[in-house]
Amino acid sequence: PVPAHTTVAGVPAKIVGKPGCDKPSLDMDQHFNGCEGI
């Protein structure tokens, strides 16, 4: 099984990333520059 909040890739799966904080969706910059009003 893959641990929670972990990114894996390949077969067999290998761990390639983990978030650097407890709630990455709240810390993530989800804005696009130059796309105001879309």
PDB file of N, CA and C in Angstrom:
ATOM      1  N   PRO A   1       0.819  -1.206   0.000  1.00  0.00           N
ATOM      2  CA  PRO A   1       0.000   0.000   0.000  1.00  0.00           C
ATOM      3  C   PRO A   1       0.861   1.268   0.000  1.00  0.00           C
ATOM      4  N   VAL A   2       0.305   2.307  -0.555  1.00  0.00           N
ATOM      5  CA  VAL A   2       0.981   3.612  -0.604  1.00  0.00           C
ATOM      6  C   VAL A   2       0.563   4.415   0.628  1.00  0.00           C
ATOM      7  N   PRO A   3       1.531   4.973   1.363  1.00  0.00           N
ATOM      8  CA  PRO A   3       1.181   5.795   2.527  1.00  0.00           C
ATOM      9  C   PRO A   3       0.349   7.010   2.117  1.00  0.00           C
ATOM     10  N   ALA A   4      -0.478   7.481   3.023  1.00  0.00           N
ATOM     11  CA  ALA A   4      -1.308   8.662   2.764  1.00  0.00           C
ATOM     12  C   ALA A   4      -0.444   9.868   2.421  1.00  0.00           C
ATOM     13  N   HIS A   5      -0.949  10.715   1.536  1.00  0.00           N
ATOM     14  CA  HIS A   5      -0.295  11.975   1.155  1.00  0.00           C
ATOM     15  C   HIS A   5       1.093  11.746   0.566  1.00  0.00           C
ATOM     16  N   THR A   6       1.238  10.708  -0.239  1.00  0.00           N
ATOM     17  CA  THR A   6       2.520  10.351  -0.839  1.00  0.00           C
ATOM     18  C   THR A   6       2.353  10.191  -2.340  1.00  0.00           C
ATOM     19  N   THR A   7       3.309  10.695  -3.118  1.00  0.00           N
ATOM     20  CA  THR A   7       3.299  10.543  -4.570  1.00  0.00           C
ATOM     21  C   THR A   7       4.236   9.407  -4.940  1.00  0.00           C
ATOM     22  N   VAL A   8       3.738   8.492  -5.779  1.00  0.00           N
ATOM     23  CA  VAL A   8       4.554   7.370  -6.229  1.00  0.00           C
ATOM     24  C   VAL A   8       4.572   7.323  -7.751  1.00  0.00           C
ATOM     25  N   ALA A   9       5.572   6.645  -8.301  1.00  0.00           N
ATOM     26  CA  ALA A   9       5.674   6.471  -9.754  1.00  0.00           C
ATOM     27  C   ALA A   9       6.341   5.137 -10.036  1.00  0.00           C
ATOM     28  N   GLY A  10       5.993   4.568 -11.190  1.00  0.00           N
ATOM     29  CA  GLY A  10       6.651   3.349 -11.634  1.00  0.00           C
ATOM     30  C   GLY A  10       5.932   2.082 -11.237  1.00  0.00           C
ATOM     31  N   VAL A  11       6.439   0.971 -11.819  1.00  0.00           N
ATOM     32  CA  VAL A  11       5.934  -0.367 -11.510  1.00  0.00           C
ATOM     33  C   VAL A  11       7.149  -1.240 -11.243  1.00  0.00           C
ATOM     34  N   PRO A  12       7.391  -1.659 -10.048  1.00  0.00           N
ATOM     35  CA  PRO A  12       6.584  -1.398  -8.860  1.00  0.00           C
ATOM     36  C   PRO A  12       6.714   0.059  -8.407  1.00  0.00           C
ATOM     37  N   ALA A  13       5.714   0.527  -7.694  1.00  0.00           N
ATOM     38  CA  ALA A  13       5.679   1.929  -7.263  1.00  0.00           C
ATOM     39  C   ALA A  13       6.827   2.246  -6.317  1.00  0.00           C
ATOM     40  N   LYS A  14       7.446   3.405  -6.558  1.00  0.00           N
ATOM     41  CA  LYS A  14       8.492   3.913  -5.665  1.00  0.00           C
ATOM     42  C   LYS A  14       8.074   5.306  -5.221  1.00  0.00           C
ATOM     43  N   ILE A  15       8.307   5.621  -3.982  1.00  0.00           N
ATOM     44  CA  ILE A  15       7.949   6.936  -3.450  1.00  0.00           C
ATOM     45  C   ILE A  15       8.829   7.992  -4.104  1.00  0.00           C
ATOM     46  N   VAL A  16       8.191   9.018  -4.681  1.00  0.00           N
ATOM     47  CA  VAL A  16       8.930  10.101  -5.335  1.00  0.00           C
ATOM     48  C   VAL A  16       8.657  11.456  -4.689  1.00  0.00           C
ATOM     49  N   GLY A  17       7.699  11.522  -3.778  1.00  0.00           N
ATOM     50  CA  GLY A  17       7.442  12.801  -3.136  1.00  0.00           C
ATOM     51  C   GLY A  17       6.496  12.707  -1.963  1.00  0.00           C
ATOM     52  N   LYS A  18       6.702  13.636  -1.032  1.00  0.00           N
ATOM     53  CA  LYS A  18       5.826  13.795   0.123  1.00  0.00           C
ATOM     54  C   LYS A  18       5.651  15.288   0.341  1.00  0.00           C
ATOM     55  N   PRO A  19       4.499  15.711   0.844  1.00  0.00           N
ATOM     56  CA  PRO A  19       4.295  17.140   1.082  1.00  0.00           C
ATOM     57  C   PRO A  19       5.211  17.651   2.189  1.00  0.00           C
ATOM     58  N   GLY A  20       5.539  18.927   2.101  1.00  0.00           N
ATOM     59  CA  GLY A  20       6.407  19.533   3.101  1.00  0.00           C
ATOM     60  C   GLY A  20       5.655  20.135   4.272  1.00  0.00           C
ATOM     61  N   CYS A  21       4.324  19.943   4.300  1.00  0.00           N
ATOM     62  CA  CYS A  21       3.520  20.485   5.390  1.00  0.00           C
ATOM     63  C   CYS A  21       2.309  19.584   5.614  1.00  0.00           C
ATOM     64  N   ASP A  22       1.537  19.871   6.661  1.00  0.00           N
ATOM     65  CA  ASP A  22       0.398  19.022   7.000  1.00  0.00           C
ATOM     66  C   ASP A  22      -0.784  19.177   6.042  1.00  0.00           C
ATOM     67  N   LYS A  23      -1.021  20.398   5.538  1.00  0.00           N
ATOM     68  CA  LYS A  23      -2.164  20.659   4.656  1.00  0.00           C
ATOM     69  C   LYS A  23      -1.685  21.386   3.397  1.00  0.00           C
ATOM     70  N   PRO A  24      -1.068  20.672   2.448  1.00  0.00           N
ATOM     71  CA  PRO A  24      -0.490  21.325   1.272  1.00  0.00           C
ATOM     72  C   PRO A  24      -1.510  22.072   0.423  1.00  0.00           C
ATOM     73  N   SER A  25      -2.771  21.632   0.390  1.00  0.00           N
ATOM     74  CA  SER A  25      -3.764  22.324  -0.432  1.00  0.00           C
ATOM     75  C   SER A  25      -4.036  23.731   0.080  1.00  0.00           C
ATOM     76  N   LEU A  26      -3.832  23.971   1.363  1.00  0.00           N
ATOM     77  CA  LEU A  26      -4.047  25.303   1.919  1.00  0.00           C
ATOM     78  C   LEU A  26      -2.824  26.195   1.739  1.00  0.00           C
ATOM     79  N   ASP A  27      -1.647  25.615   1.612  1.00  0.00           N
ATOM     80  CA  ASP A  27      -0.412  26.384   1.440  1.00  0.00           C
ATOM     81  C   ASP A  27      -0.055  26.610  -0.025  1.00  0.00           C
ATOM     82  N   MET A  28      -0.665  25.859  -0.935  1.00  0.00           N
ATOM     83  CA  MET A  28      -0.332  25.894  -2.354  1.00  0.00           C
ATOM     84  C   MET A  28      -0.798  27.203  -3.013  1.00  0.00           C
ATOM     85  N   ASP A  29       0.043  27.779  -3.854  1.00  0.00           N
ATOM     86  CA  ASP A  29      -0.338  28.950  -4.652  1.00  0.00           C
ATOM     87  C   ASP A  29      -1.114  28.447  -5.859  1.00  0.00           C
ATOM     88  N   GLN A  30      -2.436  28.655  -5.866  1.00  0.00           N
ATOM     89  CA  GLN A  30      -3.290  28.132  -6.921  1.00  0.00           C
ATOM     90  C   GLN A  30      -3.748  29.223  -7.883  1.00  0.00           C
ATOM     91  N   HIS A  31      -2.998  30.318  -7.962  1.00  0.00           N
ATOM     92  CA  HIS A  31      -3.343  31.428  -8.847  1.00  0.00           C
ATOM     93  C   HIS A  31      -2.533  31.363 -10.138  1.00  0.00           C
ATOM     94  N   PHE A  32      -3.148  31.812 -11.231  1.00  0.00           N
ATOM     95  CA  PHE A  32      -2.475  31.903 -12.523  1.00  0.00           C
ATOM     96  C   PHE A  32      -2.229  33.369 -12.833  1.00  0.00           C
ATOM     97  N   ASN A  33      -0.993  33.736 -13.136  1.00  0.00           N
ATOM     98  CA  ASN A  33      -0.684  35.112 -13.508  1.00  0.00           C
ATOM     99  C   ASN A  33      -1.230  35.410 -14.895  1.00  0.00           C
ATOM    100  N   GLY A  34      -1.848  36.577 -15.064  1.00  0.00           N
ATOM    101  CA  GLY A  34      -2.345  36.993 -16.369  1.00  0.00           C
ATOM    102  C   GLY A  34      -3.684  36.399 -16.754  1.00  0.00           C
ATOM    103  N   CYS A  35      -4.392  35.771 -15.842  1.00  0.00           N
ATOM    104  CA  CYS A  35      -5.681  35.144 -16.157  1.00  0.00           C
ATOM    105  C   CYS A  35      -6.820  35.765 -15.357  1.00  0.00           C
ATOM    106  N   GLU A  36      -6.695  37.021 -14.996  1.00  0.00           N
ATOM    107  CA  GLU A  36      -7.746  37.666 -14.225  1.00  0.00           C
ATOM    108  C   GLU A  36      -9.012  37.795 -15.064  1.00  0.00           C
ATOM    109  N   GLY A  37     -10.145  37.550 -14.468  1.00  0.00           N
ATOM    110  CA  GLY A  37     -11.424  37.735 -15.148  1.00  0.00           C
ATOM    111  C   GLY A  37     -11.869  36.575 -16.009  1.00  0.00           C
ATOM    112  N   ILE A  38     -11.193  35.455 -15.940  1.00  0.00           N
ATOM    113  CA  ILE A  38     -11.594  34.304 -16.761  1.00  0.00           C
ATOM    114  C   ILE A  38     -12.495  33.417 -15.946  1.00  0.00           C
TER     115      ILE A  38
END
